[in-house]
Amino acid sequence: GMFVHPEQVALVVKRHPAIGRARLVVTNPDSTDVITLSCEVGPGCSDKLQASIADSIRDVTKLRAEVRLVAVGSLPNDGKVIEDSRKYD
């Protein structure tokens, strides 16, 4: 199983000052767990930043994750850092 703690997400965010807010979402398409870190960043942030964030996630959690750069204000402001959206049918 995958265990990622909110503190680990906070550590990744701290390494990248360009990130405003972030949310880690766990899904399981095709019965395989996938983690995606959505990061609020300002305009002009590049693929290089995306790759650097992915490297930080791997360094901190020892897991591979997808990184999605999103506009500032697009993530819900509900205090959640990790969202488990896996479905078990």
C-alpha atoms as a PDB file:
ATOM      1  CA  GLY A   1       0.000   0.000   0.000  1.00  0.00           C
ATOM      2  CA  MET A   2       0.934   3.630  -0.306  1.00  0.00           C
ATOM      3  CA  PHE A   3       1.230   5.794   2.739  1.00  0.00           C
ATOM      4  CA  VAL A   4       1.807   9.498   2.269  1.00  0.00           C
ATOM      5  CA  HIS A   5       1.443  11.868   5.181  1.00  0.00           C
ATOM      6  CA  PRO A   6       0.407  15.544   5.041  1.00  0.00           C
ATOM      7  CA  GLU A   7       3.809  16.492   6.479  1.00  0.00           C
ATOM      8  CA  GLN A   8       5.478  14.923   3.432  1.00  0.00           C
ATOM      9  CA  VAL A   9       3.305  16.993   1.077  1.00  0.00           C
ATOM     10  CA  ALA A  10       4.190  20.104   3.092  1.00  0.00           C
ATOM     11  CA  LEU A  11       7.896  19.270   2.775  1.00  0.00           C
ATOM     12  CA  VAL A  12       7.602  18.994  -1.025  1.00  0.00           C
ATOM     13  CA  VAL A  13       5.736  22.326  -1.188  1.00  0.00           C
ATOM     14  CA  LYS A  14       8.359  23.995   1.022  1.00  0.00           C
ATOM     15  CA  ARG A  15      11.097  22.989  -1.435  1.00  0.00           C
ATOM     16  CA  HIS A  16       9.341  24.904  -4.247  1.00  0.00           C
ATOM     17  CA  PRO A  17       8.478  28.529  -3.354  1.00  0.00           C
ATOM     18  CA  ALA A  18       6.500  28.875  -6.631  1.00  0.00           C
ATOM     19  CA  ILE A  19       3.778  26.592  -5.197  1.00  0.00           C
ATOM     20  CA  GLY A  20       0.943  28.369  -3.421  1.00  0.00           C
ATOM     21  CA  ARG A  21      -1.311  25.506  -2.381  1.00  0.00           C
ATOM     22  CA  ALA A  22      -1.139  21.806  -3.212  1.00  0.00           C
ATOM     23  CA  ARG A  23      -3.392  18.791  -2.960  1.00  0.00           C
ATOM     24  CA  LEU A  24      -2.402  15.154  -3.373  1.00  0.00           C
ATOM     25  CA  VAL A  25      -5.159  13.034  -4.912  1.00  0.00           C
ATOM     26  CA  VAL A  26      -5.049   9.239  -4.858  1.00  0.00           C
ATOM     27  CA  THR A  27      -7.049   7.413  -7.541  1.00  0.00           C
ATOM     28  CA  ASN A  28      -7.039   3.830  -8.773  1.00  0.00           C
ATOM     29  CA  PRO A  29      -7.789   3.580 -12.472  1.00  0.00           C
ATOM     30  CA  ASP A  30      -7.311  -0.006 -13.689  1.00  0.00           C
ATOM     31  CA  SER A  31      -7.002  -1.124 -10.031  1.00  0.00           C
ATOM     32  CA  THR A  32      -3.574   0.523  -9.724  1.00  0.00           C
ATOM     33  CA  ASP A  33      -3.082   3.334  -7.227  1.00  0.00           C
ATOM     34  CA  VAL A  34      -2.011   6.596  -8.847  1.00  0.00           C
ATOM     35  CA  ILE A  35      -1.033   9.732  -6.949  1.00  0.00           C
ATOM     36  CA  THR A  36      -1.279  13.167  -8.500  1.00  0.00           C
ATOM     37  CA  LEU A  37      -0.066  16.332  -6.818  1.00  0.00           C
ATOM     38  CA  SER A  38      -1.963  19.380  -8.056  1.00  0.00           C
ATOM     39  CA  CYS A  39       0.016  22.554  -7.390  1.00  0.00           C
ATOM     40  CA  GLU A  40      -1.248  26.119  -7.628  1.00  0.00           C
ATOM     41  CA  VAL A  41       1.406  28.179  -9.407  1.00  0.00           C
ATOM     42  CA  GLY A  42       1.522  31.558 -11.072  1.00  0.00           C
ATOM     43  CA  PRO A  43       1.654  32.109 -14.830  1.00  0.00           C
ATOM     44  CA  GLY A  44       4.899  31.295 -16.609  1.00  0.00           C
ATOM     45  CA  CYS A  45       5.804  28.210 -14.556  1.00  0.00           C
ATOM     46  CA  SER A  46       7.431  25.607 -16.736  1.00  0.00           C
ATOM     47  CA  ASP A  47       7.781  21.913 -17.408  1.00  0.00           C
ATOM     48  CA  LYS A  48      11.130  22.194 -15.619  1.00  0.00           C
ATOM     49  CA  LEU A  49       9.303  23.106 -12.401  1.00  0.00           C
ATOM     50  CA  GLN A  50       6.888  20.204 -12.956  1.00  0.00           C
ATOM     51  CA  ALA A  51       9.794  17.757 -13.315  1.00  0.00           C
ATOM     52  CA  SER A  52      11.549  19.229 -10.279  1.00  0.00           C
ATOM     53  CA  ILE A  53       8.406  18.799  -8.141  1.00  0.00           C
ATOM     54  CA  ALA A  54       8.065  15.182  -9.327  1.00  0.00           C
ATOM     55  CA  ASP A  55      11.694  14.579  -8.281  1.00  0.00           C
ATOM     56  CA  SER A  56      10.992  16.076  -4.839  1.00  0.00           C
ATOM     57  CA  ILE A  57       7.959  13.835  -4.370  1.00  0.00           C
ATOM     58  CA  ARG A  58      10.050  10.781  -5.242  1.00  0.00           C
ATOM     59  CA  ASP A  59      12.809  11.964  -2.877  1.00  0.00           C
ATOM     60  CA  VAL A  60      10.455  12.612   0.060  1.00  0.00           C
ATOM     61  CA  THR A  61       7.926   9.765  -0.335  1.00  0.00           C
ATOM     62  CA  LYS A  62       9.908   7.178  -2.356  1.00  0.00           C
ATOM     63  CA  LEU A  63       6.879   7.050  -4.704  1.00  0.00           C
ATOM     64  CA  ARG A  64       6.317   8.179  -8.270  1.00  0.00           C
ATOM     65  CA  ALA A  65       3.621  10.792  -8.722  1.00  0.00           C
ATOM     66  CA  GLU A  66       2.085  12.777 -11.511  1.00  0.00           C
ATOM     67  CA  VAL A  67       2.323  16.555 -11.101  1.00  0.00           C
ATOM     68  CA  ARG A  68      -0.346  18.908 -12.374  1.00  0.00           C
ATOM     69  CA  LEU A  69       0.278  22.652 -12.402  1.00  0.00           C
ATOM     70  CA  VAL A  70      -2.984  24.573 -11.953  1.00  0.00           C
ATOM     71  CA  ALA A  71      -3.952  28.239 -11.745  1.00  0.00           C
ATOM     72  CA  VAL A  72      -3.860  30.039  -8.408  1.00  0.00           C
ATOM     73  CA  GLY A  73      -7.267  29.781  -6.718  1.00  0.00           C
ATOM     74  CA  SER A  74      -8.381  26.653  -8.582  1.00  0.00           C
ATOM     75  CA  LEU A  75      -7.942  24.166  -5.717  1.00  0.00           C
ATOM     76  CA  PRO A  76     -10.666  23.990  -3.070  1.00  0.00           C
ATOM     77  CA  ASN A  77      -9.802  25.872   0.107  1.00  0.00           C
ATOM     78  CA  ASP A  78     -11.103  23.220   2.499  1.00  0.00           C
ATOM     79  CA  GLY A  79      -7.920  22.428   4.398  1.00  0.00           C
ATOM     80  CA  LYS A  80      -7.516  18.979   2.809  1.00  0.00           C
ATOM     81  CA  VAL A  81      -3.976  18.134   1.776  1.00  0.00           C
ATOM     82  CA  ILE A  82      -4.613  14.534   0.732  1.00  0.00           C
ATOM     83  CA  GLU A  83      -7.787  13.337  -0.970  1.00  0.00           C
ATOM     84  CA  ASP A  84      -8.475   9.629  -1.395  1.00  0.00           C
ATOM     85  CA  SER A  85     -10.661   9.281  -4.498  1.00  0.00           C
ATOM     86  CA  ARG A  86     -10.114   5.558  -5.018  1.00  0.00           C
ATOM     87  CA  LYS A  87     -13.188   3.564  -5.967  1.00  0.00           C
ATOM     88  CA  TYR A  88     -13.722  -0.070  -5.043  1.00  0.00           C
ATOM     89  CA  ASP A  89     -16.473  -1.783  -7.019  1.00  0.00           C
END
